[in-house]
Amino acid sequence: MDQNRATKRLLAKQQAAAERDRARQAPITKTAGAGGGKGGRFGGRDAGGFGRAQGPTEKKADREGRIKRMVRFLREVRVELKKVAWPSRNEVFTYTVVVLVSVTFVTLVTFGLDYLFGKGVLTFFKS
């Protein structure tokens, strides 16, 4: 029974991930007159490119699209951060100690080798 529930949960997570991937891959539609259409890369004279100022409705629609995209991005960030396996306080302490000991050891080895090679070079060139 538990295995069936776990399988259902896993399938639901996979379906949700597939839907998010489809949403990310969906093309973002441009507002009218945003440089598409005629005239190559930047649009021609009639394509609504450089020569024409945008009206207030186009700016508002563009702004709403940006706000919706930002909100969607922040929601996705929040969902992804919930999936992260955060370390416990003890694990963080242990990893910190390991890093500090490792850095100290490597520093001492580097200092020792530098000192020995320096003395060797000076001895070699003095004689």
N, C-alpha and C. Protein backbone atom coordinates (compact mmCIF):
# COMPACT_ATOMS: atom_id res chain seq x y z
N MET A 1 0.82 -1.19 0.00
CA MET A 1 0.00 0.00 0.00
C MET A 1 0.86 1.25 0.00
N ASP A 2 1.90 1.29 0.86
CA ASP A 2 2.78 2.45 0.92
C ASP A 2 3.54 2.63 -0.38
N GLN A 3 3.92 1.52 -0.98
CA GLN A 3 4.66 1.61 -2.23
C GLN A 3 3.79 2.22 -3.32
N ASN A 4 2.50 1.89 -3.31
CA ASN A 4 1.59 2.45 -4.29
C ASN A 4 1.47 3.96 -4.11
N ARG A 5 1.38 4.43 -2.85
CA ARG A 5 1.30 5.86 -2.58
C ARG A 5 2.57 6.56 -3.02
N ALA A 6 3.70 5.94 -2.72
CA ALA A 6 4.98 6.53 -3.11
C ALA A 6 5.08 6.63 -4.63
N THR A 7 4.61 5.58 -5.31
CA THR A 7 4.62 5.60 -6.78
C THR A 7 3.73 6.70 -7.32
N LYS A 8 2.55 6.86 -6.72
CA LYS A 8 1.64 7.92 -7.16
C LYS A 8 2.26 9.30 -6.93
N ARG A 9 2.91 9.48 -5.80
CA ARG A 9 3.55 10.76 -5.52
C ARG A 9 4.67 11.04 -6.52
N LEU A 10 5.46 10.01 -6.82
CA LEU A 10 6.55 10.17 -7.77
C LEU A 10 6.01 10.52 -9.15
N LEU A 11 4.95 9.85 -9.56
CA LEU A 11 4.34 10.16 -10.87
C LEU A 11 3.80 11.59 -10.89
N ALA A 12 3.18 12.02 -9.79
CA ALA A 12 2.65 13.38 -9.74
C ALA A 12 3.78 14.40 -9.83
N LYS A 13 4.90 14.13 -9.16
CA LYS A 13 6.06 15.04 -9.23
C LYS A 13 6.62 15.08 -10.65
N GLN A 14 6.69 13.92 -11.29
CA GLN A 14 7.22 13.88 -12.65
C GLN A 14 6.31 14.63 -13.62
N GLN A 15 5.00 14.48 -13.43
CA GLN A 15 4.07 15.20 -14.30
C GLN A 15 4.18 16.71 -14.08
N ALA A 16 4.31 17.12 -12.82
CA ALA A 16 4.45 18.55 -12.53
C ALA A 16 5.74 19.09 -13.14
N ALA A 17 6.82 18.30 -13.06
CA ALA A 17 8.09 18.74 -13.65
C ALA A 17 7.96 18.84 -15.17
N ALA A 18 7.26 17.89 -15.78
CA ALA A 18 7.07 17.93 -17.23
C ALA A 18 6.25 19.16 -17.64
N GLU A 19 5.23 19.51 -16.84
CA GLU A 19 4.43 20.69 -17.14
C GLU A 19 5.26 21.96 -17.01
N ARG A 20 6.13 22.02 -15.99
CA ARG A 20 7.00 23.19 -15.83
C ARG A 20 7.95 23.31 -17.01
N ASP A 21 8.50 22.17 -17.45
CA ASP A 21 9.41 22.20 -18.59
C ASP A 21 8.69 22.68 -19.85
N ARG A 22 7.46 22.21 -20.06
CA ARG A 22 6.69 22.66 -21.21
C ARG A 22 6.41 24.16 -21.12
N ALA A 23 6.12 24.65 -19.93
CA ALA A 23 5.84 26.08 -19.75
C ALA A 23 7.10 26.90 -20.03
N ARG A 24 8.26 26.38 -19.62
CA ARG A 24 9.51 27.11 -19.86
C ARG A 24 9.86 27.13 -21.34
N GLN A 25 9.55 26.05 -22.04
CA GLN A 25 9.92 25.94 -23.44
C GLN A 25 8.92 26.62 -24.36
N ALA A 26 7.76 27.01 -23.83
CA ALA A 26 6.76 27.68 -24.64
C ALA A 26 7.32 29.03 -25.06
N PRO A 27 7.11 29.40 -26.32
CA PRO A 27 7.66 30.69 -26.78
C PRO A 27 6.96 31.84 -26.09
N ILE A 28 7.75 32.86 -25.76
CA ILE A 28 7.20 34.06 -25.16
C ILE A 28 6.73 34.95 -26.30
N THR A 29 5.47 35.31 -26.27
CA THR A 29 4.91 36.09 -27.36
C THR A 29 5.27 37.55 -27.18
N LYS A 30 5.53 38.21 -28.30
CA LYS A 30 5.87 39.63 -28.27
C LYS A 30 4.60 40.45 -28.45
N THR A 31 4.64 41.68 -27.96
CA THR A 31 3.51 42.57 -28.17
C THR A 31 3.56 43.07 -29.61
N ALA A 32 2.45 43.56 -30.08
CA ALA A 32 2.38 44.04 -31.47
C ALA A 32 3.35 45.19 -31.68
N GLY A 33 4.07 45.15 -32.79
CA GLY A 33 4.97 46.24 -33.13
C GLY A 33 6.27 46.22 -32.37
N ALA A 34 6.69 45.08 -31.90
CA ALA A 34 7.93 45.01 -31.11
C ALA A 34 9.12 44.59 -31.95
N GLY A 35 9.10 44.85 -33.23
CA GLY A 35 10.27 44.57 -34.06
C GLY A 35 10.15 43.32 -34.91
N GLY A 36 9.06 42.61 -34.83
CA GLY A 36 8.90 41.42 -35.67
C GLY A 36 8.35 41.80 -37.03
N GLY A 37 8.15 40.84 -37.89
CA GLY A 37 7.52 41.13 -39.16
C GLY A 37 8.51 41.39 -40.27
N LYS A 38 8.32 42.49 -41.00
CA LYS A 38 9.11 42.78 -42.19
C LYS A 38 10.48 43.34 -41.85
N GLY A 39 11.36 43.28 -42.81
CA GLY A 39 12.58 44.05 -42.75
C GLY A 39 13.74 43.39 -42.04
N GLY A 40 13.76 42.08 -41.90
CA GLY A 40 14.93 41.42 -41.35
C GLY A 40 14.99 41.47 -39.84
N ARG A 41 16.22 41.57 -39.36
CA ARG A 41 16.46 41.40 -37.93
C ARG A 41 15.80 42.46 -37.06
N PHE A 42 15.89 43.71 -37.42
CA PHE A 42 15.39 44.78 -36.57
C PHE A 42 14.06 45.34 -37.02
N GLY A 43 13.51 44.81 -38.06
CA GLY A 43 12.23 45.30 -38.54
C GLY A 43 12.42 46.46 -39.50
N GLY A 44 11.50 46.59 -40.39
CA GLY A 44 11.59 47.66 -41.37
C GLY A 44 10.92 48.92 -40.88
N ARG A 45 10.67 49.83 -41.84
CA ARG A 45 10.05 51.10 -41.49
C ARG A 45 8.63 50.88 -40.99
N ASP A 46 7.92 49.92 -41.59
CA ASP A 46 6.53 49.69 -41.22
C ASP A 46 6.37 48.63 -40.13
N ALA A 47 7.44 48.05 -39.69
CA ALA A 47 7.35 46.96 -38.73
C ALA A 47 7.21 47.43 -37.30
N GLY A 48 7.24 48.72 -37.06
CA GLY A 48 7.10 49.21 -35.71
C GLY A 48 8.41 49.19 -34.96
N GLY A 49 9.50 49.33 -35.65
CA GLY A 49 10.81 49.26 -35.03
C GLY A 49 11.24 50.58 -34.45
N PHE A 50 12.30 51.18 -35.03
CA PHE A 50 12.91 52.37 -34.45
C PHE A 50 12.15 53.65 -34.71
N GLY A 51 11.50 53.75 -35.83
CA GLY A 51 10.95 55.02 -36.24
C GLY A 51 9.68 55.42 -35.53
N ARG A 52 9.03 54.53 -34.81
CA ARG A 52 7.72 54.83 -34.25
C ARG A 52 7.75 54.73 -32.74
N ALA A 53 7.19 55.69 -32.07
CA ALA A 53 7.12 55.64 -30.61
C ALA A 53 6.00 54.69 -30.20
N GLN A 54 6.19 54.02 -29.10
CA GLN A 54 5.17 53.10 -28.64
C GLN A 54 4.07 53.89 -27.94
N GLY A 55 2.86 53.42 -28.15
CA GLY A 55 1.74 54.06 -27.49
C GLY A 55 1.65 53.59 -26.04
N PRO A 56 0.81 54.25 -25.23
CA PRO A 56 0.70 53.90 -23.83
C PRO A 56 0.17 52.48 -23.61
N THR A 57 -0.70 52.00 -24.51
CA THR A 57 -1.23 50.65 -24.32
C THR A 57 -0.15 49.60 -24.54
N GLU A 58 0.75 49.84 -25.50
CA GLU A 58 1.82 48.87 -25.75
C GLU A 58 2.80 48.82 -24.58
N LYS A 59 3.11 49.98 -24.01
CA LYS A 59 4.01 50.01 -22.87
C LYS A 59 3.39 49.29 -21.68
N LYS A 60 2.11 49.53 -21.45
CA LYS A 60 1.42 48.91 -20.32
C LYS A 60 1.37 47.39 -20.50
N ALA A 61 1.07 46.93 -21.71
CA ALA A 61 1.01 45.50 -21.97
C ALA A 61 2.38 44.86 -21.78
N ASP A 62 3.42 45.56 -22.25
CA ASP A 62 4.79 45.05 -22.09
C ASP A 62 5.15 44.98 -20.61
N ARG A 63 4.78 45.99 -19.85
CA ARG A 63 5.08 46.02 -18.43
C ARG A 63 4.35 44.88 -17.71
N GLU A 64 3.10 44.65 -18.04
CA GLU A 64 2.35 43.57 -17.41
C GLU A 64 2.98 42.22 -17.74
N GLY A 65 3.47 42.07 -18.97
CA GLY A 65 4.13 40.83 -19.33
C GLY A 65 5.39 40.62 -18.51
N ARG A 66 6.13 41.70 -18.30
CA ARG A 66 7.35 41.61 -17.49
C ARG A 66 7.03 41.25 -16.05
N ILE A 67 6.00 41.87 -15.50
CA ILE A 67 5.63 41.60 -14.11
C ILE A 67 5.19 40.15 -13.97
N LYS A 68 4.38 39.67 -14.90
CA LYS A 68 3.94 38.28 -14.84
C LYS A 68 5.12 37.32 -14.94
N ARG A 69 6.08 37.66 -15.81
CA ARG A 69 7.26 36.79 -15.95
C ARG A 69 8.09 36.81 -14.68
N MET A 70 8.23 37.98 -14.06
CA MET A 70 9.00 38.06 -12.81
C MET A 70 8.32 37.27 -11.70
N VAL A 71 7.00 37.38 -11.60
CA VAL A 71 6.25 36.65 -10.57
C VAL A 71 6.40 35.14 -10.82
N ARG A 72 6.28 34.73 -12.07
CA ARG A 72 6.44 33.31 -12.39
C ARG A 72 7.84 32.83 -12.04
N PHE A 73 8.85 33.65 -12.35
CA PHE A 73 10.23 33.30 -12.02
C PHE A 73 10.41 33.14 -10.52
N LEU A 74 9.88 34.07 -9.74
CA LEU A 74 10.02 33.99 -8.28
C LEU A 74 9.29 32.77 -7.71
N ARG A 75 8.14 32.44 -8.27
CA ARG A 75 7.43 31.23 -7.82
C ARG A 75 8.26 29.98 -8.11
N GLU A 76 8.86 29.93 -9.30
CA GLU A 76 9.68 28.77 -9.65
C GLU A 76 10.92 28.68 -8.77
N VAL A 77 11.50 29.82 -8.42
CA VAL A 77 12.65 29.83 -7.51
C VAL A 77 12.23 29.27 -6.15
N ARG A 78 11.09 29.70 -5.68
CA ARG A 78 10.60 29.21 -4.38
C ARG A 78 10.37 27.70 -4.41
N VAL A 79 9.78 27.21 -5.49
CA VAL A 79 9.54 25.77 -5.61
C VAL A 79 10.87 25.01 -5.63
N GLU A 80 11.85 25.51 -6.37
CA GLU A 80 13.14 24.84 -6.45
C GLU A 80 13.86 24.86 -5.11
N LEU A 81 13.75 25.97 -4.37
CA LEU A 81 14.40 26.04 -3.06
C LEU A 81 13.77 25.08 -2.06
N LYS A 82 12.50 24.76 -2.24
CA LYS A 82 11.86 23.76 -1.37
C LYS A 82 12.42 22.37 -1.62
N LYS A 83 12.92 22.13 -2.83
CA LYS A 83 13.46 20.82 -3.18
C LYS A 83 14.87 20.60 -2.65
N VAL A 84 15.55 21.69 -2.27
CA VAL A 84 16.94 21.59 -1.84
C VAL A 84 17.03 20.85 -0.51
N ALA A 85 17.99 19.94 -0.41
CA ALA A 85 18.25 19.24 0.84
C ALA A 85 19.23 20.08 1.65
N TRP A 86 18.70 20.92 2.52
CA TRP A 86 19.54 21.82 3.30
C TRP A 86 20.26 21.05 4.39
N PRO A 87 21.54 21.36 4.65
CA PRO A 87 22.28 20.65 5.70
C PRO A 87 21.82 21.11 7.08
N SER A 88 21.99 20.19 8.05
CA SER A 88 21.65 20.54 9.43
C SER A 88 22.77 21.38 10.03
N ARG A 89 22.53 21.89 11.22
CA ARG A 89 23.53 22.72 11.90
C ARG A 89 24.81 21.92 12.16
N ASN A 90 24.65 20.67 12.58
CA ASN A 90 25.82 19.82 12.85
C ASN A 90 26.62 19.55 11.58
N GLU A 91 25.93 19.32 10.48
CA GLU A 91 26.63 19.07 9.22
C GLU A 91 27.42 20.30 8.78
N VAL A 92 26.82 21.47 8.92
CA VAL A 92 27.52 22.70 8.55
C VAL A 92 28.76 22.88 9.40
N PHE A 93 28.64 22.62 10.71
CA PHE A 93 29.79 22.74 11.60
C PHE A 93 30.88 21.75 11.20
N THR A 94 30.49 20.51 10.92
CA THR A 94 31.46 19.48 10.54
C THR A 94 32.17 19.86 9.25
N TYR A 95 31.42 20.31 8.25
CA TYR A 95 32.02 20.68 6.97
C TYR A 95 32.95 21.89 7.13
N THR A 96 32.57 22.81 8.01
CA THR A 96 33.42 23.99 8.26
C THR A 96 34.74 23.57 8.87
N VAL A 97 34.69 22.67 9.84
CA VAL A 97 35.92 22.19 10.47
C VAL A 97 36.80 21.46 9.45
N VAL A 98 36.19 20.63 8.62
CA VAL A 98 36.95 19.90 7.61
C VAL A 98 37.64 20.87 6.65
N VAL A 99 36.94 21.90 6.23
CA VAL A 99 37.52 22.88 5.31
C VAL A 99 38.67 23.63 5.98
N LEU A 100 38.48 24.06 7.21
CA LEU A 100 39.53 24.81 7.90
C LEU A 100 40.78 23.95 8.12
N VAL A 101 40.60 22.69 8.52
CA VAL A 101 41.74 21.79 8.72
C VAL A 101 42.45 21.55 7.39
N SER A 102 41.68 21.32 6.33
CA SER A 102 42.28 21.07 5.01
C SER A 102 43.06 22.28 4.52
N VAL A 103 42.50 23.46 4.67
CA VAL A 103 43.18 24.68 4.23
C VAL A 103 44.46 24.89 5.03
N THR A 104 44.40 24.65 6.34
CA THR A 104 45.59 24.80 7.19
C THR A 104 46.68 23.82 6.75
N PHE A 105 46.30 22.57 6.51
CA PHE A 105 47.27 21.56 6.09
C PHE A 105 47.93 21.93 4.76
N VAL A 106 47.13 22.30 3.78
CA VAL A 106 47.67 22.65 2.46
C VAL A 106 48.57 23.89 2.58
N THR A 107 48.18 24.85 3.41
CA THR A 107 49.00 26.05 3.61
C THR A 107 50.35 25.69 4.22
N LEU A 108 50.35 24.82 5.22
CA LEU A 108 51.61 24.43 5.85
C LEU A 108 52.50 23.65 4.89
N VAL A 109 51.93 22.76 4.10
CA VAL A 109 52.72 22.01 3.12
C VAL A 109 53.33 22.97 2.10
N THR A 110 52.51 23.91 1.60
CA THR A 110 53.01 24.88 0.62
C THR A 110 54.12 25.74 1.23
N PHE A 111 53.92 26.20 2.47
CA PHE A 111 54.95 27.00 3.13
C PHE A 111 56.24 26.20 3.31
N GLY A 112 56.11 24.93 3.73
CA GLY A 112 57.29 24.09 3.93
C GLY A 112 58.06 23.86 2.63
N LEU A 113 57.35 23.54 1.56
CA LEU A 113 58.01 23.32 0.28
C LEU A 113 58.66 24.60 -0.24
N ASP A 114 57.98 25.72 -0.08
CA ASP A 114 58.53 27.00 -0.51
C ASP A 114 59.81 27.32 0.27
N TYR A 115 59.78 27.09 1.57
CA TYR A 115 60.95 27.35 2.41
C TYR A 115 62.12 26.45 2.00
N LEU A 116 61.83 25.15 1.80
CA LEU A 116 62.91 24.22 1.43
C LEU A 116 63.48 24.53 0.05
N PHE A 117 62.63 24.80 -0.91
CA PHE A 117 63.14 25.12 -2.26
C PHE A 117 63.90 26.45 -2.24
N GLY A 118 63.43 27.40 -1.46
CA GLY A 118 64.13 28.68 -1.35
C GLY A 118 65.52 28.50 -0.77
N LYS A 119 65.63 27.73 0.31
CA LYS A 119 66.94 27.46 0.92
C LYS A 119 67.83 26.70 -0.07
N GLY A 120 67.24 25.75 -0.79
CA GLY A 120 68.01 24.96 -1.76
C GLY A 120 68.56 25.83 -2.88
N VAL A 121 67.75 26.71 -3.41
CA VAL A 121 68.18 27.59 -4.49
C VAL A 121 69.28 28.51 -4.00
N LEU A 122 69.11 29.11 -2.79
CA LEU A 122 70.14 29.99 -2.26
C LEU A 122 71.45 29.25 -2.01
N THR A 123 71.37 28.02 -1.51
CA THR A 123 72.56 27.22 -1.27
C THR A 123 73.24 26.87 -2.58
N PHE A 124 72.46 26.55 -3.58
CA PHE A 124 73.00 26.16 -4.89
C PHE A 124 73.75 27.34 -5.54
N PHE A 125 73.18 28.55 -5.47
CA PHE A 125 73.81 29.69 -6.13
C PHE A 125 74.93 30.33 -5.30
N LYS A 126 74.99 30.07 -3.98
CA LYS A 126 76.08 30.60 -3.16
C LYS A 126 77.37 29.85 -3.40
N SER A 127 77.28 28.57 -3.64
CA SER A 127 78.51 27.79 -3.80
C SER A 127 79.02 27.85 -5.20
